Amino acid sequence: MAAESSVLVRLDPDLWFFAAPQRRVEQFELRYDGTATLGHLAESLGVPLPEVGPLLVDGTPATPAQQPRPGSTIEIGPVSRPQPGPPRFVLDVHLGKLARRLRLLGIDTAYRNDAADDELIAQAEREQRVLLTQDRGLLRRRALWAGAYVRGADPARQLADVIARFAPPLAPWTRCTSCNGPLDPVRKQDVLGEIESGTRRYYDEYARCRDCAQVYWRGAHARRINAIIRAARLAHPGISP
């Protein structure tokens, strides 16, 4: 039991990633004067509020706005997976390769490599998108409508994390990897003047971006892209289609 000037904290191991090394234990005491909310306590441990899931105070479910009594036992869990929410995302400037992979899978993904933090936060709210980032400070911004920390140092691991967390429906080959616009099928004869002779010789199926007019075909890189798609589906067979 915690002393009357502290609380006993049990932080789920899935959240240890965010905490200081001395907090990565089964439980620990934390000095507490009775004024901070559970949300503030979690953030003081390094856990951004969008990463906080179920909260318990002495075994009773609680909300981030609740102020526990000194001496309480607090349990902080991670968000559930898959997490409910719109399968629409906006990514910060450091996640360009992930943005491309999400678009390859047909996932609605807004991205600009020059977007400022305030712009990202405003866009997330305006377009009802989840902001994906590895910037913990950005996730702590009070104006943020919805956000999530992306785990993994390389695009493949990052993609797996996003799909595991949100289980978005997949629609490969339906979005422009450059601008996120939808792709519409076009006849080969309608794009002959925009493709090289070698491409015309070997490929017959084409699509055009509705927004930026870029022409697409399943060329030599299709094998690598199909491998990305297969990996996403095999790792999470419950997602559709």
C-alpha atoms as a PDB file:
ATOM      1  CA  MET A   1       0.000   0.000   0.000  1.00  0.00           C
ATOM      2  CA  ALA A   2       1.242   3.491  -0.847  1.00  0.00           C
ATOM      3  CA  ALA A   3       1.940   6.115   1.781  1.00  0.00           C
ATOM      4  CA  GLU A   4      -0.572   8.944   2.290  1.00  0.00           C
ATOM      5  CA  SER A   5       1.691  11.324   0.332  1.00  0.00           C
ATOM      6  CA  SER A   6       1.997   8.996  -2.667  1.00  0.00           C
ATOM      7  CA  VAL A   7       0.176   6.541  -4.930  1.00  0.00           C
ATOM      8  CA  LEU A   8       1.145   3.034  -5.952  1.00  0.00           C
ATOM      9  CA  VAL A   9       1.420   2.800  -9.730  1.00  0.00           C
ATOM     10  CA  ARG A  10       1.187  -0.332 -11.840  1.00  0.00           C
ATOM     11  CA  LEU A  11       2.165   0.507 -15.397  1.00  0.00           C
ATOM     12  CA  ASP A  12       1.369  -2.120 -18.022  1.00  0.00           C
ATOM     13  CA  PRO A  13       4.585  -3.551 -19.557  1.00  0.00           C
ATOM     14  CA  ASP A  14       3.336  -2.551 -23.009  1.00  0.00           C
ATOM     15  CA  LEU A  15       3.810   1.071 -21.883  1.00  0.00           C
ATOM     16  CA  TRP A  16       7.271   0.654 -20.370  1.00  0.00           C
ATOM     17  CA  PHE A  17       8.667   1.815 -23.693  1.00  0.00           C
ATOM     18  CA  PHE A  18       7.601   5.365 -22.783  1.00  0.00           C
ATOM     19  CA  ALA A  19       8.760   5.353 -19.164  1.00  0.00           C
ATOM     20  CA  ALA A  20      12.138   6.056 -17.617  1.00  0.00           C
ATOM     21  CA  PRO A  21      14.197   2.899 -16.878  1.00  0.00           C
ATOM     22  CA  GLN A  22      13.525   3.098 -13.115  1.00  0.00           C
ATOM     23  CA  ARG A  23       9.775   2.980 -13.830  1.00  0.00           C
ATOM     24  CA  ARG A  24       9.974  -0.228 -15.883  1.00  0.00           C
ATOM     25  CA  VAL A  25       9.042  -2.450 -12.975  1.00  0.00           C
ATOM     26  CA  GLU A  26       5.929  -4.263 -11.824  1.00  0.00           C
ATOM     27  CA  GLN A  27       4.905  -1.424  -9.502  1.00  0.00           C
ATOM     28  CA  PHE A  28       6.364   1.644  -7.849  1.00  0.00           C
ATOM     29  CA  GLU A  29       5.433   4.478  -5.525  1.00  0.00           C
ATOM     30  CA  LEU A  30       4.966   7.962  -6.919  1.00  0.00           C
ATOM     31  CA  ARG A  31       4.832  11.123  -4.827  1.00  0.00           C
ATOM     32  CA  TYR A  32       1.360  12.619  -5.043  1.00  0.00           C
ATOM     33  CA  ASP A  33      -0.413  15.477  -3.260  1.00  0.00           C
ATOM     34  CA  GLY A  34      -3.942  14.743  -4.453  1.00  0.00           C
ATOM     35  CA  THR A  35      -4.236  17.531  -7.044  1.00  0.00           C
ATOM     36  CA  ALA A  36      -3.150  15.952 -10.348  1.00  0.00           C
ATOM     37  CA  THR A  37      -5.523  14.005 -12.587  1.00  0.00           C
ATOM     38  CA  LEU A  38      -4.853  10.469 -13.731  1.00  0.00           C
ATOM     39  CA  GLY A  39      -4.100  11.810 -17.195  1.00  0.00           C
ATOM     40  CA  HIS A  40      -1.471  14.173 -15.834  1.00  0.00           C
ATOM     41  CA  LEU A  41       0.045  11.384 -13.741  1.00  0.00           C
ATOM     42  CA  ALA A  42       0.367   9.153 -16.822  1.00  0.00           C
ATOM     43  CA  GLU A  43       1.998  11.962 -18.800  1.00  0.00           C
ATOM     44  CA  SER A  44       4.385  12.703 -15.934  1.00  0.00           C
ATOM     45  CA  LEU A  45       5.629   9.128 -16.395  1.00  0.00           C
ATOM     46  CA  GLY A  46       6.287   9.804 -20.086  1.00  0.00           C
ATOM     47  CA  VAL A  47       3.149   8.127 -21.464  1.00  0.00           C
ATOM     48  CA  PRO A  48       1.270  10.401 -23.923  1.00  0.00           C
ATOM     49  CA  LEU A  49      -2.444  10.494 -23.209  1.00  0.00           C
ATOM     50  CA  PRO A  50      -3.415   9.004 -26.628  1.00  0.00           C
ATOM     51  CA  GLU A  51      -1.459   5.880 -25.588  1.00  0.00           C
ATOM     52  CA  VAL A  52      -3.366   5.462 -22.315  1.00  0.00           C
ATOM     53  CA  GLY A  53      -6.103   2.852 -22.283  1.00  0.00           C
ATOM     54  CA  PRO A  54      -8.026   1.456 -19.297  1.00  0.00           C
ATOM     55  CA  LEU A  55      -7.409   3.173 -15.954  1.00  0.00           C
ATOM     56  CA  LEU A  56      -8.176   1.636 -12.579  1.00  0.00           C
ATOM     57  CA  VAL A  57      -8.104   3.262  -9.151  1.00  0.00           C
ATOM     58  CA  ASP A  58      -8.170   0.662  -6.369  1.00  0.00           C
ATOM     59  CA  GLY A  59      -9.660  -1.770  -8.870  1.00  0.00           C
ATOM     60  CA  THR A  60     -12.429   0.555 -10.050  1.00  0.00           C
ATOM     61  CA  PRO A  61     -12.535   1.926 -13.623  1.00  0.00           C
ATOM     62  CA  ALA A  62     -11.657   5.605 -13.824  1.00  0.00           C
ATOM     63  CA  THR A  63     -11.276   8.401 -16.380  1.00  0.00           C
ATOM     64  CA  PRO A  64      -8.180  10.487 -17.193  1.00  0.00           C
ATOM     65  CA  ALA A  65      -9.871  13.534 -15.625  1.00  0.00           C
ATOM     66  CA  GLN A  66     -10.322  11.833 -12.242  1.00  0.00           C
ATOM     67  CA  GLN A  67      -8.199  12.859  -9.245  1.00  0.00           C
ATOM     68  CA  PRO A  68      -7.318   9.811  -7.123  1.00  0.00           C
ATOM     69  CA  ARG A  69      -6.845  10.024  -3.388  1.00  0.00           C
ATOM     70  CA  PRO A  70      -3.324   9.782  -1.949  1.00  0.00           C
ATOM     71  CA  GLY A  71      -2.617   6.203  -0.938  1.00  0.00           C
ATOM     72  CA  SER A  72      -4.557   4.785  -3.909  1.00  0.00           C
ATOM     73  CA  THR A  73      -3.343   2.053  -6.228  1.00  0.00           C
ATOM     74  CA  ILE A  74      -3.416   3.158  -9.864  1.00  0.00           C
ATOM     75  CA  GLU A  75      -3.273   0.809 -12.846  1.00  0.00           C
ATOM     76  CA  ILE A  76      -2.500   2.244 -16.286  1.00  0.00           C
ATOM     77  CA  GLY A  77      -3.153   0.078 -19.328  1.00  0.00           C
ATOM     78  CA  PRO A  78      -2.471   0.537 -23.059  1.00  0.00           C
ATOM     79  CA  VAL A  79      -5.109   1.294 -25.666  1.00  0.00           C
ATOM     80  CA  SER A  80      -6.973  -1.749 -26.923  1.00  0.00           C
ATOM     81  CA  ARG A  81      -6.105  -3.287 -30.265  1.00  0.00           C
ATOM     82  CA  PRO A  82      -7.715  -2.986 -32.706  1.00  0.00           C
ATOM     83  CA  GLN A  83      -8.522   0.548 -31.616  1.00  0.00           C
ATOM     84  CA  PRO A  84     -11.843   2.029 -32.753  1.00  0.00           C
ATOM     85  CA  GLY A  85     -11.574   5.122 -34.866  1.00  0.00           C
ATOM     86  CA  PRO A  86     -11.707   6.391 -38.439  1.00  0.00           C
ATOM     87  CA  PRO A  87      -9.264   4.553 -40.751  1.00  0.00           C
ATOM     88  CA  ARG A  88      -7.969   7.906 -41.975  1.00  0.00           C
ATOM     89  CA  PHE A  89      -4.535   9.210 -41.079  1.00  0.00           C
ATOM     90  CA  VAL A  90      -2.248  12.203 -41.320  1.00  0.00           C
ATOM     91  CA  LEU A  91       1.475  11.567 -40.822  1.00  0.00           C
ATOM     92  CA  ASP A  92       4.191  13.870 -39.566  1.00  0.00           C
ATOM     93  CA  VAL A  93       7.131  14.845 -41.772  1.00  0.00           C
ATOM     94  CA  HIS A  94       9.376  12.001 -40.566  1.00  0.00           C
ATOM     95  CA  LEU A  95       7.091   9.186 -41.744  1.00  0.00           C
ATOM     96  CA  GLY A  96       7.166   9.630 -45.515  1.00  0.00           C
ATOM     97  CA  LYS A  97       8.085   6.014 -46.293  1.00  0.00           C
ATOM     98  CA  LEU A  98       5.263   4.773 -44.077  1.00  0.00           C
ATOM     99  CA  ALA A  99       2.848   7.137 -45.836  1.00  0.00           C
ATOM    100  CA  ARG A 100       3.759   5.598 -49.193  1.00  0.00           C
ATOM    101  CA  ARG A 101       3.188   2.058 -47.903  1.00  0.00           C
ATOM    102  CA  LEU A 102      -0.163   2.948 -46.382  1.00  0.00           C
ATOM    103  CA  ARG A 103      -1.262   4.465 -49.688  1.00  0.00           C
ATOM    104  CA  LEU A 104      -0.118   1.346 -51.537  1.00  0.00           C
ATOM    105  CA  LEU A 105      -2.597  -0.562 -49.385  1.00  0.00           C
ATOM    106  CA  GLY A 106      -5.374   1.870 -50.280  1.00  0.00           C
ATOM    107  CA  ILE A 107      -5.473   3.518 -46.845  1.00  0.00           C
ATOM    108  CA  ASP A 108      -6.472   7.190 -46.817  1.00  0.00           C
ATOM    109  CA  THR A 109      -3.181   8.844 -45.786  1.00  0.00           C
ATOM    110  CA  ALA A 110      -2.477  12.576 -45.793  1.00  0.00           C
ATOM    111  CA  TYR A 111       1.204  13.541 -45.835  1.00  0.00           C
ATOM    112  CA  ARG A 112       3.368  16.540 -46.671  1.00  0.00           C
ATOM    113  CA  ASN A 113       7.097  16.667 -46.046  1.00  0.00           C
ATOM    114  CA  ASP A 114       6.922  20.355 -45.092  1.00  0.00           C
ATOM    115  CA  ALA A 115       3.909  20.377 -42.771  1.00  0.00           C
ATOM    116  CA  ALA A 116       4.387  22.205 -39.459  1.00  0.00           C
ATOM    117  CA  ASP A 117       3.116  20.722 -36.202  1.00  0.00           C
ATOM    118  CA  ASP A 118       0.275  23.220 -35.891  1.00  0.00           C
ATOM    119  CA  GLU A 119      -0.829  22.428 -39.442  1.00  0.00           C
ATOM    120  CA  LEU A 120      -0.879  18.706 -38.698  1.00  0.00           C
ATOM    121  CA  ILE A 121      -2.971  19.195 -35.577  1.00  0.00           C
ATOM    122  CA  ALA A 122      -5.424  21.441 -37.411  1.00  0.00           C
ATOM    123  CA  GLN A 123      -5.702  19.002 -40.326  1.00  0.00           C
ATOM    124  CA  ALA A 124      -6.301  16.048 -38.010  1.00  0.00           C
ATOM    125  CA  GLU A 125      -9.287  17.820 -36.465  1.00  0.00           C
ATOM    126  CA  ARG A 126     -10.603  19.382 -39.660  1.00  0.00           C
ATOM    127  CA  GLU A 127     -10.548  16.104 -41.614  1.00  0.00           C
ATOM    128  CA  GLN A 128     -11.165  13.786 -38.645  1.00  0.00           C
ATOM    129  CA  ARG A 129      -7.854  11.966 -39.105  1.00  0.00           C
ATOM    130  CA  VAL A 130      -5.641  10.181 -36.601  1.00  0.00           C
ATOM    131  CA  LEU A 131      -2.231  11.868 -36.412  1.00  0.00           C
ATOM    132  CA  LEU A 132       0.535   9.257 -36.610  1.00  0.00           C
ATOM    133  CA  THR A 133       3.899  10.330 -35.221  1.00  0.00           C
ATOM    134  CA  GLN A 134       6.983   9.322 -33.257  1.00  0.00           C
ATOM    135  CA  ASP A 135       7.101  12.744 -31.600  1.00  0.00           C
ATOM    136  CA  ARG A 136       5.888  12.304 -28.019  1.00  0.00           C
ATOM    137  CA  GLY A 137       5.669  16.046 -27.537  1.00  0.00           C
ATOM    138  CA  LEU A 138       3.248  16.313 -30.439  1.00  0.00           C
ATOM    139  CA  LEU A 139       1.006  13.692 -28.856  1.00  0.00           C
ATOM    140  CA  ARG A 140       0.901  15.749 -25.658  1.00  0.00           C
ATOM    141  CA  ARG A 141      -0.578  18.794 -27.380  1.00  0.00           C
ATOM    142  CA  ARG A 142      -3.978  19.533 -25.862  1.00  0.00           C
ATOM    143  CA  ALA A 143      -5.412  20.652 -29.213  1.00  0.00           C
ATOM    144  CA  LEU A 144      -4.792  17.233 -30.800  1.00  0.00           C
ATOM    145  CA  TRP A 145      -8.055  15.592 -31.880  1.00  0.00           C
ATOM    146  CA  ALA A 146      -6.699  12.032 -32.144  1.00  0.00           C
ATOM    147  CA  GLY A 147      -3.187  10.647 -32.323  1.00  0.00           C
ATOM    148  CA  ALA A 148      -1.061   7.547 -32.002  1.00  0.00           C
ATOM    149  CA  TYR A 149       2.616   6.784 -31.496  1.00  0.00           C
ATOM    150  CA  VAL A 150       4.035   4.629 -34.302  1.00  0.00           C
ATOM    151  CA  ARG A 151       6.375   1.935 -33.061  1.00  0.00           C
ATOM    152  CA  GLY A 152       9.269   0.616 -35.096  1.00  0.00           C
ATOM    153  CA  ALA A 153      12.431   2.056 -36.628  1.00  0.00           C
ATOM    154  CA  ASP A 154      11.827   0.913 -40.214  1.00  0.00           C
ATOM    155  CA  PRO A 155       8.787   1.278 -42.505  1.00  0.00           C
ATOM    156  CA  ALA A 156       7.924  -2.441 -42.452  1.00  0.00           C
ATOM    157  CA  ARG A 157       7.659  -2.542 -38.653  1.00  0.00           C
ATOM    158  CA  GLN A 158       5.831   0.776 -38.603  1.00  0.00           C
ATOM    159  CA  LEU A 159       3.296  -0.491 -41.118  1.00  0.00           C
ATOM    160  CA  ALA A 160       2.726  -3.655 -39.090  1.00  0.00           C
ATOM    161  CA  ASP A 161       2.166  -1.574 -35.958  1.00  0.00           C
ATOM    162  CA  VAL A 162      -0.399   0.717 -37.589  1.00  0.00           C
ATOM    163  CA  ILE A 163      -2.320  -2.182 -39.105  1.00  0.00           C
ATOM    164  CA  ALA A 164      -2.298  -4.127 -35.832  1.00  0.00           C
ATOM    165  CA  ARG A 165      -3.518  -1.108 -33.904  1.00  0.00           C
ATOM    166  CA  PHE A 166      -6.265   0.163 -36.226  1.00  0.00           C
ATOM    167  CA  ALA A 167      -7.085  -2.790 -38.528  1.00  0.00           C
ATOM    168  CA  PRO A 168      -8.007  -0.500 -41.425  1.00  0.00           C
ATOM    169  CA  PRO A 169      -9.696  -2.066 -44.466  1.00  0.00           C
ATOM    170  CA  LEU A 170      -7.250  -2.666 -47.295  1.00  0.00           C
ATOM    171  CA  ALA A 171      -7.820  -1.750 -50.917  1.00  0.00           C
ATOM    172  CA  PRO A 172      -4.433  -2.181 -52.665  1.00  0.00           C
ATOM    173  CA  TRP A 173      -3.670  -0.331 -55.890  1.00  0.00           C
ATOM    174  CA  THR A 174      -6.478   2.211 -55.412  1.00  0.00           C
ATOM    175  CA  ARG A 175      -4.586   5.319 -54.197  1.00  0.00           C
ATOM    176  CA  CYS A 176      -1.908   7.521 -55.655  1.00  0.00           C
ATOM    177  CA  THR A 177       1.323   7.101 -53.718  1.00  0.00           C
ATOM    178  CA  SER A 178       2.286  10.686 -54.541  1.00  0.00           C
ATOM    179  CA  CYS A 179      -0.806  12.655 -53.503  1.00  0.00           C
ATOM    180  CA  ASN A 180      -3.242  10.138 -51.933  1.00  0.00           C
ATOM    181  CA  GLY A 181      -5.849  10.713 -54.647  1.00  0.00           C
ATOM    182  CA  PRO A 182      -8.079   7.822 -55.814  1.00  0.00           C
ATOM    183  CA  LEU A 183      -7.023   5.851 -58.895  1.00  0.00           C
ATOM    184  CA  ASP A 184      -9.429   5.269 -61.777  1.00  0.00           C
ATOM    185  CA  PRO A 185      -8.849   2.576 -64.430  1.00  0.00           C
ATOM    186  CA  VAL A 186      -8.032   3.974 -67.884  1.00  0.00           C
ATOM    187  CA  ARG A 187      -7.740   2.394 -71.314  1.00  0.00           C
ATOM    188  CA  LYS A 188      -4.244   1.763 -72.603  1.00  0.00           C
ATOM    189  CA  GLN A 189      -4.891   3.742 -75.769  1.00  0.00           C
ATOM    190  CA  ASP A 190      -5.794   6.790 -73.664  1.00  0.00           C
ATOM    191  CA  VAL A 191      -2.331   6.961 -72.059  1.00  0.00           C
ATOM    192  CA  LEU A 192      -0.073   5.924 -74.955  1.00  0.00           C
ATOM    193  CA  GLY A 193       1.415   9.394 -75.179  1.00  0.00           C
ATOM    194  CA  GLU A 194       2.391   9.369 -71.500  1.00  0.00           C
ATOM    195  CA  ILE A 195       4.252   6.067 -71.220  1.00  0.00           C
ATOM    196  CA  GLU A 196       7.503   4.695 -72.602  1.00  0.00           C
ATOM    197  CA  SER A 197       7.574   2.217 -75.474  1.00  0.00           C
ATOM    198  CA  GLY A 198       8.834  -0.566 -73.197  1.00  0.00           C
ATOM    199  CA  THR A 199       5.950  -0.010 -70.841  1.00  0.00           C
ATOM    200  CA  ARG A 200       3.470  -0.078 -73.714  1.00  0.00           C
ATOM    201  CA  ARG A 201       4.971  -3.344 -74.906  1.00  0.00           C
ATOM    202  CA  TYR A 202       4.740  -5.261 -71.639  1.00  0.00           C
ATOM    203  CA  TYR A 203       1.769  -3.859 -69.718  1.00  0.00           C
ATOM    204  CA  ASP A 204      -1.901  -3.502 -70.597  1.00  0.00           C
ATOM    205  CA  GLU A 205      -3.621  -2.374 -67.377  1.00  0.00           C
ATOM    206  CA  TYR A 206      -3.361   1.274 -66.342  1.00  0.00           C
ATOM    207  CA  ALA A 207      -4.888   3.722 -63.894  1.00  0.00           C
ATOM    208  CA  ARG A 208      -4.817   7.478 -63.464  1.00  0.00           C
ATOM    209  CA  CYS A 209      -4.912   9.541 -60.297  1.00  0.00           C
ATOM    210  CA  ARG A 210      -8.117  11.538 -60.154  1.00  0.00           C
ATOM    211  CA  ASP A 211      -6.352  14.417 -58.388  1.00  0.00           C
ATOM    212  CA  CYS A 212      -2.861  14.793 -59.885  1.00  0.00           C
ATOM    213  CA  ALA A 213      -3.369  12.836 -63.163  1.00  0.00           C
ATOM    214  CA  GLN A 214      -0.316  10.603 -62.655  1.00  0.00           C
ATOM    215  CA  VAL A 215      -0.500   7.349 -64.623  1.00  0.00           C
ATOM    216  CA  TYR A 216       0.103   4.002 -62.892  1.00  0.00           C
ATOM    217  CA  TRP A 217       0.709   0.460 -64.048  1.00  0.00           C
ATOM    218  CA  ARG A 218       1.860  -2.683 -62.289  1.00  0.00           C
ATOM    219  CA  GLY A 219       5.418  -2.676 -63.486  1.00  0.00           C
ATOM    220  CA  ALA A 220       8.642  -4.317 -62.393  1.00  0.00           C
ATOM    221  CA  HIS A 221       8.166  -3.036 -58.847  1.00  0.00           C
ATOM    222  CA  ALA A 222       4.818  -4.852 -58.530  1.00  0.00           C
ATOM    223  CA  ARG A 223       6.445  -7.964 -57.026  1.00  0.00           C
ATOM    224  CA  ARG A 224       7.889  -5.970 -54.133  1.00  0.00           C
ATOM    225  CA  ILE A 225       4.610  -4.137 -53.600  1.00  0.00           C
ATOM    226  CA  ASN A 226       2.623  -7.371 -53.658  1.00  0.00           C
ATOM    227  CA  ALA A 227       4.987  -8.743 -51.008  1.00  0.00           C
ATOM    228  CA  ILE A 228       4.129  -5.764 -48.788  1.00  0.00           C
ATOM    229  CA  ILE A 229       0.422  -6.398 -49.338  1.00  0.00           C
ATOM    230  CA  ARG A 230       0.720 -10.123 -48.609  1.00  0.00           C
ATOM    231  CA  ALA A 231       2.705  -9.478 -45.429  1.00  0.00           C
ATOM    232  CA  ALA A 232       0.041  -7.062 -44.189  1.00  0.00           C
ATOM    233  CA  ARG A 233      -2.759  -9.533 -44.837  1.00  0.00           C
ATOM    234  CA  LEU A 234      -0.955 -12.572 -43.434  1.00  0.00           C
ATOM    235  CA  ALA A 235       0.030 -10.746 -40.262  1.00  0.00           C
ATOM    236  CA  HIS A 236      -3.541  -9.637 -39.636  1.00  0.00           C
ATOM    237  CA  PRO A 237      -5.978 -11.965 -41.420  1.00  0.00           C
ATOM    238  CA  GLY A 238      -8.955 -10.395 -39.633  1.00  0.00           C
ATOM    239  CA  ILE A 239      -8.754  -7.181 -41.615  1.00  0.00           C
ATOM    240  CA  SER A 240     -10.730  -6.751 -44.792  1.00  0.00           C
ATOM    241  CA  PRO A 241     -10.805  -7.451 -47.583  1.00  0.00           C
END
